[in-house]
Amino acid sequence: MLIEAGVESARLDATLLLGAAAGVSRTEVLAGMVTLDDPVRRRFEVLINRRAAREPIAYILGHKEFNSLELEVGPGVLIPRPETEILVEAALEILRRMGAAKVLDLGTGSGAIAVAIATHAPAARIVASDLSIEALEMARRNVRRFGLGQQIEIRRADCFASMDSGGELGGFDLIVSNPPYVPDGEIGGLQPEVSRYEPRSALAGGPDGLDFYRMLARQSRRHLRERGRVAVEVGAGQAAEVEAIFRAGGFSEAMMRRDLAGIPRVVCVS
């Protein structure tokens, strides 16, 4: 069924869904340690039908591994991707040189970036912000899941404008963001798992995909402390344009980090 539906990872997904239906691990499924009684069969059929409709496997299972952390995810939040781990690596490298620092994770979604940074940089204090109430609730659950409530503050904000009663966001040593960067006209051509299910607000970056970077270049400098930095994820082929946008906004230094294929995926500016 999954192959006919066009699911590329059909065998793996079927194994994971059978494990979820039976309440056992993937290893146990592969070892044949599953009792296929009627309740398991019925649960498995429901899960398979959801996946055949191209609902993301992460939403069905309710979790996604990111930076070796098992994060809770669900409808209403962007599913963490391997490319974003490169942004976390860049942020951690910056923070190692800073020591104690205040970090803003702008558009936190599930809280993946904030949780990963906090886990590996215990001296950092992080504000994780988002406009979506649904996303903020998911981020809170992940912060609680890893016991990081003393290190991560969840805030509702529209970019840098506070939308809650917590006062202004203040100044930061590092601002990180995985912003929406897909050109609006290209969203419909993405995989159904993305175009049909993931929140458009986390994907759509304007006509050319660069609107959020222009906003950051205009507004972020007044929210940075002395020698503060901004690190952002970018789409394939966008790095040079994003760097130019930040330079035009008054940032004088820039560096890029590439993925394993050599594609620039992160731009850091100061």
Protein backbone atom coordinates (compact mmCIF):
# COMPACT_ATOMS: atom_id res chain seq x y z
CA MET A 1 0.00 0.00 0.00
CA LEU A 2 2.75 2.47 0.91
CA ILE A 3 4.72 1.74 -2.24
CA GLU A 4 1.63 2.35 -4.37
CA ALA A 5 1.09 5.64 -2.51
CA GLY A 6 4.57 6.80 -3.51
CA VAL A 7 6.18 6.56 -0.07
CA GLU A 8 9.92 6.22 -0.70
CA SER A 9 10.74 4.70 2.70
CA ALA A 10 7.81 2.27 2.59
CA ARG A 11 9.55 -0.73 4.18
CA LEU A 12 11.11 1.28 7.01
CA ASP A 13 7.89 3.17 7.71
CA ALA A 14 5.84 -0.04 7.77
CA THR A 15 8.26 -1.51 10.29
CA LEU A 16 8.05 1.55 12.52
CA LEU A 17 4.28 1.68 12.33
CA LEU A 18 3.95 -2.02 13.17
CA GLY A 19 6.14 -1.41 16.20
CA ALA A 20 3.94 1.52 17.23
CA ALA A 21 0.78 -0.57 16.78
CA ALA A 22 2.21 -3.42 18.85
CA GLY A 23 4.00 -1.26 21.41
CA VAL A 24 7.42 -2.74 20.64
CA SER A 25 10.68 -1.44 19.22
CA ARG A 26 11.83 -1.64 15.62
CA THR A 27 14.44 -4.16 16.69
CA GLU A 28 11.75 -6.39 18.14
CA VAL A 29 9.74 -6.11 14.93
CA LEU A 30 12.75 -7.13 12.84
CA ALA A 31 13.36 -10.04 15.21
CA GLY A 32 9.80 -11.24 14.70
CA MET A 33 8.84 -10.52 18.30
CA VAL A 34 5.35 -9.20 17.49
CA THR A 35 2.05 -10.79 18.38
CA LEU A 36 -0.28 -10.02 15.47
CA ASP A 37 -3.57 -10.29 17.29
CA ASP A 38 -6.71 -8.48 16.11
CA PRO A 39 -6.18 -5.28 18.15
CA VAL A 40 -2.64 -4.92 16.78
CA ARG A 41 -3.84 -5.55 13.24
CA ARG A 42 -6.57 -2.91 13.57
CA ARG A 43 -4.18 -0.31 15.00
CA PHE A 44 -1.64 -1.10 12.30
CA GLU A 45 -4.25 -0.69 9.56
CA VAL A 46 -5.21 2.75 10.88
CA LEU A 47 -1.57 3.87 10.99
CA ILE A 48 -0.79 2.49 7.53
CA ASN A 49 -3.79 4.30 6.05
CA ARG A 50 -2.60 7.56 7.56
CA ARG A 51 0.86 7.08 6.09
CA ALA A 52 -0.60 6.09 2.70
CA ALA A 53 -2.37 9.46 2.74
CA ARG A 54 1.20 10.86 2.98
CA GLU A 55 0.87 12.11 6.54
CA PRO A 56 4.44 12.48 7.84
CA ILE A 57 5.70 9.48 9.78
CA ALA A 58 6.91 11.84 12.53
CA TYR A 59 3.38 13.16 13.08
CA ILE A 60 1.96 9.64 13.19
CA LEU A 61 4.56 8.40 15.68
CA GLY A 62 4.55 11.68 17.62
CA HIS A 63 8.30 12.03 17.82
CA LYS A 64 11.42 12.74 15.76
CA GLU A 65 15.10 12.29 16.54
CA PHE A 66 17.12 15.48 16.26
CA ASN A 67 20.72 15.94 17.35
CA SER A 68 20.48 12.55 19.14
CA LEU A 69 17.44 13.81 21.10
CA GLU A 70 13.98 12.25 20.81
CA LEU A 71 11.71 15.27 20.42
CA GLU A 72 7.93 15.34 20.56
CA VAL A 73 6.42 16.64 17.32
CA GLY A 74 2.96 16.87 15.84
CA PRO A 75 0.70 18.82 13.49
CA GLY A 76 1.27 22.55 13.72
CA VAL A 77 5.06 22.43 13.99
CA LEU A 78 7.80 22.00 11.43
CA ILE A 79 9.44 18.58 11.65
CA PRO A 80 13.14 18.98 12.59
CA ARG A 81 15.49 18.10 9.75
CA PRO A 82 19.15 17.04 9.54
CA GLU A 83 20.09 20.34 7.88
CA THR A 84 19.10 22.18 11.04
CA GLU A 85 21.66 20.18 13.02
CA ILE A 86 24.29 22.14 11.08
CA LEU A 87 22.80 25.35 12.51
CA VAL A 88 23.03 23.87 16.02
CA GLU A 89 26.68 22.93 15.41
CA ALA A 90 27.45 26.48 14.25
CA ALA A 91 25.70 27.96 17.29
CA LEU A 92 27.59 25.70 19.68
CA GLU A 93 30.90 26.64 18.07
CA ILE A 94 30.08 30.33 18.59
CA LEU A 95 28.99 29.74 22.18
CA ARG A 96 32.18 27.85 23.04
CA ARG A 97 34.07 31.07 22.34
CA MET A 98 31.58 33.18 24.30
CA GLY A 99 31.10 31.11 27.44
CA ALA A 100 27.98 32.26 29.28
CA ALA A 101 25.67 33.88 26.74
CA LYS A 102 22.06 34.85 26.13
CA VAL A 103 20.56 33.25 23.02
CA LEU A 104 17.35 33.92 21.09
CA ASP A 105 15.86 31.04 19.08
CA LEU A 106 13.58 32.99 16.77
CA GLY A 107 10.68 30.90 15.46
CA THR A 108 11.38 27.96 17.74
CA GLY A 109 8.64 25.63 16.48
CA SER A 110 9.01 22.35 18.38
CA GLY A 111 11.87 23.86 20.39
CA ALA A 112 14.38 21.60 18.65
CA ILE A 113 17.16 24.17 18.26
CA ALA A 114 16.76 25.61 21.75
CA VAL A 115 16.70 22.17 23.39
CA ALA A 116 19.73 20.97 21.44
CA ILE A 117 21.74 24.10 22.25
CA ALA A 118 20.77 24.01 25.93
CA THR A 119 21.69 20.33 26.20
CA HIS A 120 25.21 20.92 24.89
CA ALA A 121 25.81 24.46 26.22
CA PRO A 122 24.65 24.47 29.85
CA ALA A 123 26.03 27.98 30.45
CA ALA A 124 23.73 29.46 27.80
CA ARG A 125 20.40 31.03 28.71
CA ILE A 126 17.91 30.78 25.88
CA VAL A 127 14.72 32.57 24.94
CA ALA A 128 12.68 30.41 22.54
CA SER A 129 10.03 32.46 20.76
CA ASP A 130 7.29 31.81 18.24
CA LEU A 131 4.04 33.43 17.14
CA SER A 132 2.16 30.13 17.00
CA ILE A 133 0.48 29.18 20.28
CA GLU A 134 0.37 25.55 19.11
CA ALA A 135 4.11 25.54 18.45
CA LEU A 136 4.87 27.13 21.81
CA GLU A 137 2.93 24.43 23.64
CA MET A 138 4.95 21.77 21.81
CA ALA A 139 8.17 23.60 22.67
CA ARG A 140 7.13 23.73 26.34
CA ARG A 141 6.56 19.99 26.34
CA ASN A 142 10.00 19.35 24.89
CA VAL A 143 11.63 21.71 27.38
CA ARG A 144 9.92 19.83 30.21
CA ARG A 145 10.80 16.50 28.61
CA PHE A 146 14.50 17.24 28.99
CA GLY A 147 14.30 19.17 32.25
CA LEU A 148 15.54 22.44 30.74
CA GLY A 149 13.01 24.82 32.27
CA GLN A 150 15.70 26.71 34.20
CA GLN A 151 17.68 27.30 31.04
CA ILE A 152 15.03 27.95 28.37
CA GLU A 153 12.33 30.62 28.58
CA ILE A 154 9.37 30.23 26.22
CA ARG A 155 7.98 33.48 24.83
CA ARG A 156 5.24 34.36 22.36
CA ALA A 157 6.53 36.96 19.93
CA ASP A 158 6.00 38.08 16.35
CA CYS A 159 9.64 38.22 15.32
CA PHE A 160 11.06 40.72 17.85
CA ALA A 161 7.71 42.12 19.01
CA SER A 162 6.58 40.55 22.29
CA MET A 163 3.03 39.18 22.21
CA ASP A 164 2.87 38.09 25.86
CA SER A 165 3.16 39.85 29.20
CA GLY A 166 6.84 39.12 29.67
CA GLY A 167 8.16 42.49 28.54
CA GLU A 168 10.53 43.16 25.66
CA LEU A 169 12.78 40.39 24.45
CA GLY A 170 15.92 42.40 25.25
CA GLY A 171 19.47 42.01 23.94
CA PHE A 172 21.23 38.80 22.95
CA ASP A 173 24.73 37.53 22.32
CA LEU A 174 23.47 35.15 19.65
CA ILE A 175 20.29 35.03 17.57
CA VAL A 176 19.60 31.75 15.78
CA SER A 177 16.76 30.94 13.43
CA ASN A 178 15.55 28.35 10.95
CA PRO A 179 13.18 30.74 9.19
CA PRO A 180 10.63 30.06 6.47
CA TYR A 181 12.66 30.16 3.25
CA VAL A 182 10.69 28.33 0.57
CA PRO A 183 9.48 30.64 -2.22
CA ASP A 184 5.71 30.82 -1.97
CA GLY A 185 5.16 29.50 -5.49
CA GLU A 186 7.24 26.38 -4.85
CA ILE A 187 5.39 25.05 -1.81
CA GLY A 188 2.77 23.21 -3.88
CA GLY A 189 5.53 21.27 -5.65
CA LEU A 190 7.09 19.92 -2.46
CA GLN A 191 6.50 16.38 -1.24
CA PRO A 192 2.90 15.87 -0.06
CA GLU A 193 4.17 15.26 3.48
CA VAL A 194 5.38 18.86 3.49
CA SER A 195 2.93 20.73 1.27
CA ARG A 196 -0.21 19.12 2.71
CA TYR A 197 0.68 18.75 6.37
CA GLU A 198 3.45 21.00 7.67
CA PRO A 199 2.48 24.55 8.67
CA ARG A 200 2.70 26.97 5.77
CA SER A 201 3.84 29.73 8.13
CA ALA A 202 7.02 27.74 8.80
CA LEU A 203 7.70 27.26 5.10
CA ALA A 204 6.61 30.30 3.08
CA GLY A 205 9.37 32.87 2.77
CA GLY A 206 7.73 35.25 0.30
CA PRO A 207 8.02 35.44 -3.49
CA ASP A 208 11.75 34.62 -3.50
CA GLY A 209 11.96 32.91 -0.09
CA LEU A 210 14.08 35.70 1.43
CA ASP A 211 11.54 37.92 3.21
CA PHE A 212 12.45 36.72 6.72
CA TYR A 213 16.16 37.36 6.15
CA ARG A 214 15.42 40.93 5.07
CA MET A 215 13.48 41.47 8.29
CA LEU A 216 16.32 40.00 10.36
CA ALA A 217 18.90 42.18 8.61
CA ARG A 218 16.80 45.28 9.36
CA GLN A 219 15.82 44.53 12.93
CA SER A 220 18.29 42.18 14.57
CA ARG A 221 21.21 44.58 15.12
CA ARG A 222 19.33 46.57 17.77
CA HIS A 223 18.64 43.31 19.63
CA LEU A 224 22.28 42.21 19.65
CA ARG A 225 24.76 42.93 22.42
CA GLU A 226 28.28 44.08 21.59
CA ARG A 227 30.02 41.48 19.38
CA GLY A 228 26.71 39.66 19.04
CA ARG A 229 26.11 37.28 16.15
CA VAL A 230 23.26 35.97 14.01
CA ALA A 231 23.22 32.42 12.63
CA VAL A 232 20.50 31.31 10.21
CA GLU A 233 19.69 28.24 8.19
CA VAL A 234 19.26 28.86 4.46
CA GLY A 235 17.82 26.91 1.56
CA ALA A 236 20.00 25.35 -1.13
CA GLY A 237 21.33 28.11 -3.38
CA GLN A 238 20.33 30.97 -1.07
CA ALA A 239 23.52 31.50 0.95
CA ALA A 240 25.15 34.17 -1.23
CA GLU A 241 21.95 36.21 -1.45
CA VAL A 242 21.37 35.93 2.30
CA GLU A 243 24.92 37.05 3.02
CA ALA A 244 24.43 40.04 0.71
CA ILE A 245 21.19 40.95 2.50
CA PHE A 246 22.94 40.99 5.88
CA ARG A 247 25.92 42.95 4.57
CA ALA A 248 23.52 45.53 3.17
CA GLY A 249 21.96 45.65 6.64
CA GLY A 250 25.26 46.67 8.22
CA PHE A 251 26.87 43.33 9.13
CA SER A 252 30.52 43.31 8.12
CA GLU A 253 31.64 39.74 8.77
CA ALA A 254 30.07 36.57 7.42
CA MET A 255 30.88 32.88 7.26
CA MET A 256 29.08 29.84 5.87
CA ARG A 257 28.77 26.25 7.00
CA ARG A 258 28.17 23.51 4.45
CA ASP A 259 26.42 20.16 4.56
CA LEU A 260 28.07 16.87 3.62
CA ALA A 261 27.26 17.54 -0.05
CA GLY A 262 29.14 20.84 0.10
CA ILE A 263 25.99 22.96 -0.05
CA PRO A 264 26.04 26.07 2.21
CA ARG A 265 23.26 25.57 4.76
CA VAL A 266 24.08 28.11 7.45
CA VAL A 267 25.11 31.75 7.29
CA CYS A 268 26.67 33.38 10.38
CA VAL A 269 27.09 37.17 10.51
CA SER A 270 28.34 39.76 12.95
